[in-house]
Amino acid sequence: MTIRTELRSANPRQLERIPNFFIIGHAKCGTTALWEMLRRHPQIYMPHEKGFASKEPWFFSRENPNPQLTGERSVRFTGRHEMTLEEYLTLFVEARAGQIVGEASTSYIWSTTAATRIAEARPDAKIIALLREPASYLRSMHMQLVVNHAESELDFRTALSLDEARREGRDIPHKSYWPQALIYSDRVRYVEQLERYHAVFPPEQVLVLIYDDFRDDNPATVRRVLRFLGADDTHAIEVLQANPSSTLRSARIDELSRSLRAGNTPLARAVRDAGKGLTTRRMREALFYPLQRRVLYRKPLPVDHQLMNELRHRFKPEVERLSEYLDRNFVKLWGYDHLE
């Protein structure tokens, strides 16, 4: 069923719950921190229950079938299960009358159809995009995909080299439920991504934020967003940092840990059940889970400056296009005017 068909058949009172604004990403550019700070504002409602589909529903990017993939992997963006309009709108039932309702789904910026689908559902919606210097963005994104188990290649350079193979449906990790996300070079098409939104929304409804500005002055950026949304920008703002970059220590140890949690074998189930029987939930949250995170994850490895320089040369034309498109000198801001 298309979004237009669902909209026509939906209860008009339900349609009132379609969000007023959308944070469209990119990931690792401050989207989670912005979501966390905005949802604490009394005039704003954003889903915040535990669970990925609540914080990032990705409803408007849940189509895009990939004919080269089958089964659960046939949906290029979410791929886990379908979501109806009715299911989506239940995420916002707790919003109070008069609140500004929003959601944050990082796939919307690189989905080729999300902009049109959002405009069909809510033509007066306000759009907030976040962008970051390409090389550092892709490095952080790779680490996040590894931690999320969507990416099995721990080496960043090797993962980048798989773009063409993955575009053809090859070399995709069998546990990846959104293979399109693994084509790293496709993510750095900033102007093309913004053009999709400017084609269906007037300029005054689209706000583009830059990660550097948000990182350097969280409160000022959030107040700018509040003014854009028509909310009280004098309300106290709690500065937050969310999703700091980390990486796996070992893919093998991570696989063992997930096998124990899932109880995939009789031995794994026995170990898991014994651990639960000997400890309380409070003990596990206070002692075991923090220890588990220290064992599984570590701070990022030192930056490969040669690779980062190669990426900046590669993406300099896109940065130049973005500078012209947004009338801001990103070549200078991001140091692309002094590449080695």
Protein backbone atom coordinates (compact mmCIF):
# COMPACT_ATOMS: atom_id res chain seq x y z
CA MET A 1 0.00 0.00 0.00
CA THR A 2 1.43 3.41 -0.97
CA ILE A 3 1.58 6.35 1.42
CA ARG A 4 -1.10 8.14 -0.63
CA THR A 5 -3.45 5.17 -0.33
CA GLU A 6 -2.85 4.94 3.41
CA LEU A 7 -3.46 8.66 3.84
CA ARG A 8 -6.74 8.51 1.93
CA SER A 9 -8.03 5.59 4.00
CA ALA A 10 -6.84 6.89 7.39
CA ASN A 11 -9.04 8.45 10.05
CA PRO A 12 -8.73 12.27 9.77
CA ARG A 13 -8.24 12.52 13.53
CA GLN A 14 -5.33 10.10 13.30
CA LEU A 15 -3.68 12.18 10.59
CA GLU A 16 -3.48 15.08 13.03
CA ARG A 17 -0.73 13.12 14.76
CA ILE A 18 1.63 13.19 11.77
CA PRO A 19 4.72 15.04 13.06
CA ASN A 20 5.19 18.77 12.55
CA PHE A 21 8.93 18.38 12.03
CA PHE A 22 11.53 15.80 11.05
CA ILE A 23 15.21 15.56 11.94
CA ILE A 24 16.51 13.81 8.86
CA GLY A 25 20.14 13.06 9.78
CA HIS A 26 22.91 12.30 8.94
CA ALA A 27 23.85 9.87 11.71
CA LYS A 28 27.00 10.72 13.73
CA CYS A 29 26.37 14.41 13.10
CA GLY A 30 24.64 15.25 16.37
CA THR A 31 21.18 13.90 15.54
CA THR A 32 20.79 11.92 18.75
CA ALA A 33 22.03 14.76 20.94
CA LEU A 34 19.64 17.19 19.23
CA TRP A 35 16.77 14.71 19.65
CA GLU A 36 17.61 14.30 23.34
CA MET A 37 17.68 18.04 23.98
CA LEU A 38 14.56 18.88 22.00
CA ARG A 39 12.42 16.15 23.55
CA ARG A 40 13.08 17.65 27.00
CA HIS A 41 11.44 20.93 25.98
CA PRO A 42 7.89 21.16 27.39
CA GLN A 43 6.45 22.43 24.11
CA ILE A 44 7.87 19.55 22.08
CA TYR A 45 6.96 15.88 21.91
CA MET A 46 9.25 13.28 20.36
CA PRO A 47 8.93 9.52 20.91
CA HIS A 48 11.45 8.40 23.49
CA GLU A 49 10.40 4.96 24.65
CA LYS A 50 13.12 2.33 24.63
CA GLY A 51 13.54 0.70 21.28
CA PHE A 52 15.05 1.71 17.96
CA ALA A 53 11.73 1.94 16.10
CA SER A 54 10.50 4.51 18.60
CA LYS A 55 13.47 6.85 18.43
CA GLU A 56 14.06 6.27 14.70
CA PRO A 57 10.86 4.91 13.13
CA TRP A 58 12.11 5.32 9.52
CA PHE A 59 8.49 5.04 8.41
CA PHE A 60 8.92 7.22 5.32
CA SER A 61 11.93 5.24 4.08
CA ARG A 62 10.54 1.73 4.52
CA GLU A 63 10.03 1.07 0.83
CA ASN A 64 12.80 0.97 -1.82
CA PRO A 65 12.93 -2.79 -2.53
CA ASN A 66 16.26 -4.06 -3.84
CA PRO A 67 15.60 -6.76 -6.50
CA GLN A 68 19.11 -8.14 -6.01
CA LEU A 69 18.32 -9.12 -2.43
CA THR A 70 15.67 -11.45 -1.07
CA GLY A 71 13.64 -12.05 2.06
CA GLU A 72 14.34 -9.88 5.05
CA ARG A 73 17.20 -8.17 3.23
CA SER A 74 14.99 -7.07 0.33
CA VAL A 75 14.19 -3.70 1.92
CA ARG A 76 17.12 -1.40 1.44
CA PHE A 77 16.59 0.77 4.48
CA THR A 78 15.00 -0.87 7.49
CA GLY A 79 14.30 -4.37 6.32
CA ARG A 80 13.21 -5.76 9.68
CA HIS A 81 9.47 -5.55 9.19
CA GLU A 82 6.87 -3.35 7.58
CA MET A 83 5.20 -0.53 9.47
CA THR A 84 1.70 0.67 8.69
CA LEU A 85 0.62 4.29 8.97
CA GLU A 86 -1.56 3.33 11.93
CA GLU A 87 1.40 1.72 13.72
CA TYR A 88 3.53 4.77 13.00
CA LEU A 89 0.97 7.20 14.36
CA THR A 90 0.71 5.27 17.63
CA LEU A 91 4.20 6.56 18.43
CA PHE A 92 2.71 10.02 18.95
CA VAL A 93 -0.46 9.26 20.91
CA GLU A 94 1.02 10.63 24.14
CA ALA A 95 1.62 14.09 22.67
CA ARG A 96 -0.41 16.73 24.50
CA ALA A 97 -2.68 19.15 22.71
CA GLY A 98 -0.68 22.09 21.43
CA GLN A 99 2.69 20.35 21.55
CA ILE A 100 4.99 20.47 18.53
CA VAL A 101 5.48 16.87 17.42
CA GLY A 102 8.62 15.57 15.76
CA GLU A 103 10.72 12.53 15.05
CA ALA A 104 14.31 11.81 14.04
CA SER A 105 15.16 9.20 11.38
CA THR A 106 18.64 9.34 9.91
CA SER A 107 17.68 7.30 6.85
CA TYR A 108 15.43 10.07 5.55
CA ILE A 109 18.32 12.13 4.21
CA TRP A 110 19.73 9.39 2.00
CA SER A 111 16.46 7.73 1.05
CA THR A 112 15.62 8.68 -2.51
CA THR A 113 11.88 8.81 -1.78
CA ALA A 114 11.46 9.91 1.86
CA ALA A 115 11.31 13.62 1.00
CA THR A 116 8.39 13.14 -1.38
CA ARG A 117 6.58 10.79 0.99
CA ILE A 118 6.93 13.23 3.91
CA ALA A 119 5.68 16.09 1.74
CA GLU A 120 2.64 14.04 0.69
CA ALA A 121 1.81 13.31 4.32
CA ARG A 122 2.70 16.69 5.81
CA PRO A 123 3.34 19.47 3.26
CA ASP A 124 3.76 22.05 6.04
CA ALA A 125 6.40 19.97 7.87
CA LYS A 126 9.67 21.55 8.92
CA ILE A 127 12.84 19.69 8.01
CA ILE A 128 16.12 19.75 9.96
CA ALA A 129 19.18 18.31 8.22
CA LEU A 130 22.60 17.81 9.81
CA LEU A 131 25.83 17.55 7.83
CA ARG A 132 29.46 16.89 8.76
CA GLU A 133 32.87 17.00 7.11
CA PRO A 134 32.79 13.90 4.86
CA ALA A 135 35.95 12.02 5.89
CA SER A 136 35.36 12.27 9.64
CA TYR A 137 31.68 11.52 9.11
CA LEU A 138 32.36 8.30 7.20
CA ARG A 139 34.95 7.17 9.76
CA SER A 140 32.46 7.65 12.61
CA MET A 141 29.70 6.06 10.55
CA HIS A 142 31.80 2.97 9.87
CA MET A 143 32.50 2.52 13.58
CA GLN A 144 28.80 2.87 14.38
CA LEU A 145 27.81 0.31 11.74
CA VAL A 146 30.35 -2.13 13.17
CA VAL A 147 28.96 -1.65 16.68
CA ASN A 148 25.42 -2.07 15.32
CA HIS A 149 26.48 -5.34 13.64
CA ALA A 150 25.40 -4.05 10.24
CA GLU A 151 29.06 -3.97 9.12
CA SER A 152 31.33 -7.00 9.51
CA GLU A 153 34.48 -5.43 8.03
CA LEU A 154 36.36 -3.85 10.94
CA ASP A 155 39.01 -2.20 8.76
CA PHE A 156 37.75 1.17 7.51
CA ARG A 157 39.83 1.26 4.31
CA THR A 158 38.71 -2.24 3.33
CA ALA A 159 35.07 -1.41 4.05
CA LEU A 160 35.31 1.63 1.76
CA SER A 161 36.74 -0.50 -1.03
CA LEU A 162 33.62 -2.70 -1.04
CA ASP A 163 31.26 0.03 -2.27
CA GLU A 164 30.96 -1.17 -5.86
CA ALA A 165 30.56 -4.81 -4.89
CA ARG A 166 27.85 -3.93 -2.40
CA ARG A 167 26.07 -1.77 -4.93
CA GLU A 168 25.74 -4.98 -6.95
CA GLY A 169 24.47 -6.91 -3.92
CA ARG A 170 27.76 -8.67 -3.15
CA ASP A 171 29.93 -8.77 0.00
CA ILE A 172 27.01 -7.81 2.22
CA PRO A 173 27.21 -9.17 5.78
CA HIS A 174 24.54 -11.82 6.24
CA LYS A 175 23.28 -10.09 9.38
CA SER A 176 22.94 -6.68 7.76
CA TYR A 177 19.28 -5.66 7.60
CA TRP A 178 19.95 -2.42 5.69
CA PRO A 179 22.64 -3.18 3.08
CA GLN A 180 22.23 0.13 1.28
CA ALA A 181 23.72 1.82 4.34
CA LEU A 182 27.02 0.07 3.69
CA ILE A 183 27.71 1.92 0.42
CA TYR A 184 29.74 4.66 2.06
CA SER A 185 30.40 6.88 -0.95
CA ASP A 186 26.66 7.18 -1.64
CA ARG A 187 26.20 8.87 1.73
CA VAL A 188 28.36 11.85 0.74
CA ARG A 189 26.01 13.28 -1.83
CA TYR A 190 25.00 16.22 0.31
CA VAL A 191 23.75 18.55 -2.42
CA GLU A 192 21.70 15.85 -4.12
CA GLN A 193 20.16 14.93 -0.75
CA LEU A 194 19.26 18.51 0.10
CA GLU A 195 17.88 19.13 -3.40
CA ARG A 196 15.32 16.36 -2.87
CA TYR A 197 13.89 18.29 0.11
CA HIS A 198 14.13 21.71 -1.49
CA ALA A 199 12.21 20.31 -4.46
CA VAL A 200 9.13 19.56 -2.33
CA PHE A 201 9.43 22.04 0.56
CA PRO A 202 9.86 25.83 0.43
CA PRO A 203 13.22 27.16 1.70
CA GLU A 204 11.74 28.54 4.92
CA GLN A 205 10.73 25.00 5.95
CA VAL A 206 14.22 23.50 5.63
CA LEU A 207 16.98 24.19 8.17
CA VAL A 208 20.48 22.85 7.48
CA LEU A 209 22.75 22.51 10.51
CA ILE A 210 26.48 21.88 10.46
CA TYR A 211 28.03 19.49 12.98
CA ASP A 212 30.89 21.90 13.74
CA ASP A 213 28.48 24.63 14.84
CA PHE A 214 26.46 22.23 16.97
CA ARG A 215 29.58 20.77 18.59
CA ASP A 216 31.08 24.18 19.33
CA ASP A 217 27.93 25.71 20.82
CA ASN A 218 25.12 23.29 21.63
CA PRO A 219 22.81 25.84 23.31
CA ALA A 220 23.02 28.38 20.49
CA THR A 221 22.24 25.73 17.88
CA VAL A 222 19.32 24.33 19.88
CA ARG A 223 17.89 27.83 20.37
CA ARG A 224 18.14 28.37 16.63
CA VAL A 225 16.17 25.15 16.10
CA LEU A 226 13.56 26.19 18.68
CA ARG A 227 13.02 29.49 16.89
CA PHE A 228 12.72 27.61 13.60
CA LEU A 229 10.04 25.38 15.13
CA GLY A 230 8.20 28.26 16.78
CA ALA A 231 8.98 27.07 20.33
CA ASP A 232 10.12 29.12 23.31
CA ASP A 233 13.88 29.53 22.88
CA THR A 234 14.35 31.01 26.37
CA HIS A 235 13.66 27.68 28.08
CA ALA A 236 16.67 26.25 29.91
CA ILE A 237 18.72 23.87 27.75
CA GLU A 238 20.55 20.88 29.19
CA VAL A 239 23.72 20.25 27.18
CA LEU A 240 24.09 16.57 26.34
CA GLN A 241 26.52 14.35 24.50
CA ALA A 242 25.05 11.27 22.91
CA ASN A 243 26.49 8.30 21.03
CA PRO A 244 30.22 8.99 21.45
CA SER A 245 32.22 6.99 18.91
CA SER A 246 33.57 3.61 19.97
CA THR A 247 34.62 0.44 18.20
CA LEU A 248 34.64 -3.30 18.84
CA ARG A 249 37.72 -4.84 20.42
CA SER A 250 37.15 -8.17 18.70
CA ALA A 251 34.50 -9.45 16.32
CA ARG A 252 34.94 -12.95 17.76
CA ILE A 253 34.36 -11.83 21.35
CA ASP A 254 31.35 -9.81 20.24
CA GLU A 255 29.91 -12.83 18.43
CA LEU A 256 30.39 -14.97 21.54
CA SER A 257 28.69 -12.35 23.70
CA ARG A 258 25.68 -12.13 21.37
CA SER A 259 25.44 -15.92 21.21
CA LEU A 260 25.30 -16.09 25.01
CA ARG A 261 22.63 -13.38 25.20
CA ALA A 262 20.51 -15.08 22.56
CA GLY A 263 21.03 -18.59 23.91
CA ASN A 264 21.70 -19.97 20.45
CA THR A 265 23.07 -23.28 21.74
CA PRO A 266 22.23 -25.48 24.75
CA LEU A 267 25.53 -24.48 26.39
CA ALA A 268 24.90 -20.77 25.75
CA ARG A 269 21.40 -21.05 27.22
CA ALA A 270 22.75 -22.85 30.27
CA VAL A 271 25.41 -20.19 30.89
CA ARG A 272 22.92 -17.37 30.33
CA ASP A 273 20.29 -18.87 32.62
CA ALA A 274 22.84 -19.66 35.32
CA GLY A 275 24.06 -16.08 35.26
CA LYS A 276 20.53 -14.75 35.60
CA GLY A 277 19.81 -17.19 38.40
CA LEU A 278 22.84 -16.12 40.43
CA THR A 279 22.37 -12.36 40.04
CA THR A 280 19.62 -9.78 40.32
CA ARG A 281 18.76 -7.34 37.54
CA ARG A 282 20.15 -4.49 39.66
CA MET A 283 23.44 -6.34 40.10
CA ARG A 284 23.70 -6.97 36.38
CA GLU A 285 22.99 -3.32 35.53
CA ALA A 286 25.46 -2.03 38.13
CA LEU A 287 28.31 -4.49 37.61
CA PHE A 288 27.99 -6.91 34.72
CA TYR A 289 26.74 -4.65 31.92
CA PRO A 290 29.40 -1.92 32.47
CA LEU A 291 32.07 -4.64 32.56
CA GLN A 292 30.64 -6.16 29.39
CA ARG A 293 30.86 -2.79 27.60
CA ARG A 294 34.50 -2.39 28.66
CA VAL A 295 35.32 -5.88 27.38
CA LEU A 296 33.49 -5.49 24.06
CA TYR A 297 34.24 -1.88 23.15
CA ARG A 298 37.19 0.46 23.16
CA LYS A 299 37.96 4.00 22.11
CA PRO A 300 38.52 4.50 18.39
CA LEU A 301 41.89 3.58 16.93
CA PRO A 302 44.21 6.46 15.97
CA VAL A 303 43.19 8.27 12.82
CA ASP A 304 44.78 7.04 9.60
CA HIS A 305 45.80 10.46 8.33
CA GLN A 306 46.82 9.17 4.90
CA LEU A 307 43.40 7.61 4.35
CA MET A 308 41.61 10.71 5.63
CA ASN A 309 43.64 12.87 3.24
CA GLU A 310 42.75 10.55 0.35
CA LEU A 311 39.06 10.81 1.25
CA ARG A 312 39.22 14.60 1.42
CA HIS A 313 40.76 14.78 -2.03
CA ARG A 314 38.05 12.42 -3.25
CA PHE A 315 35.19 14.43 -1.76
CA LYS A 316 36.53 17.93 -2.35
CA PRO A 317 34.28 18.44 -5.43
CA GLU A 318 31.22 17.66 -3.28
CA VAL A 319 32.40 20.08 -0.59
CA GLU A 320 32.84 22.77 -3.25
CA ARG A 321 29.33 22.10 -4.56
CA LEU A 322 27.92 22.29 -1.04
CA SER A 323 29.73 25.58 -0.43
CA GLU A 324 28.07 27.08 -3.48
CA TYR A 325 24.70 25.50 -2.72
CA LEU A 326 24.49 26.79 0.86
CA ASP A 327 26.56 29.93 0.26
CA ARG A 328 29.09 29.08 2.97
CA ASN A 329 32.80 28.31 2.59
CA PHE A 330 33.02 24.70 3.71
CA VAL A 331 36.27 24.30 1.79
CA LYS A 332 37.89 26.61 4.34
CA LEU A 333 35.84 25.51 7.35
CA TRP A 334 36.77 21.86 6.87
CA GLY A 335 40.38 22.47 5.81
CA TYR A 336 39.95 21.40 2.20
CA ASP A 337 41.95 24.41 1.07
CA HIS A 338 45.16 22.98 2.60
CA LEU A 339 45.13 19.33 1.64
CA GLU A 340 48.42 17.45 1.51
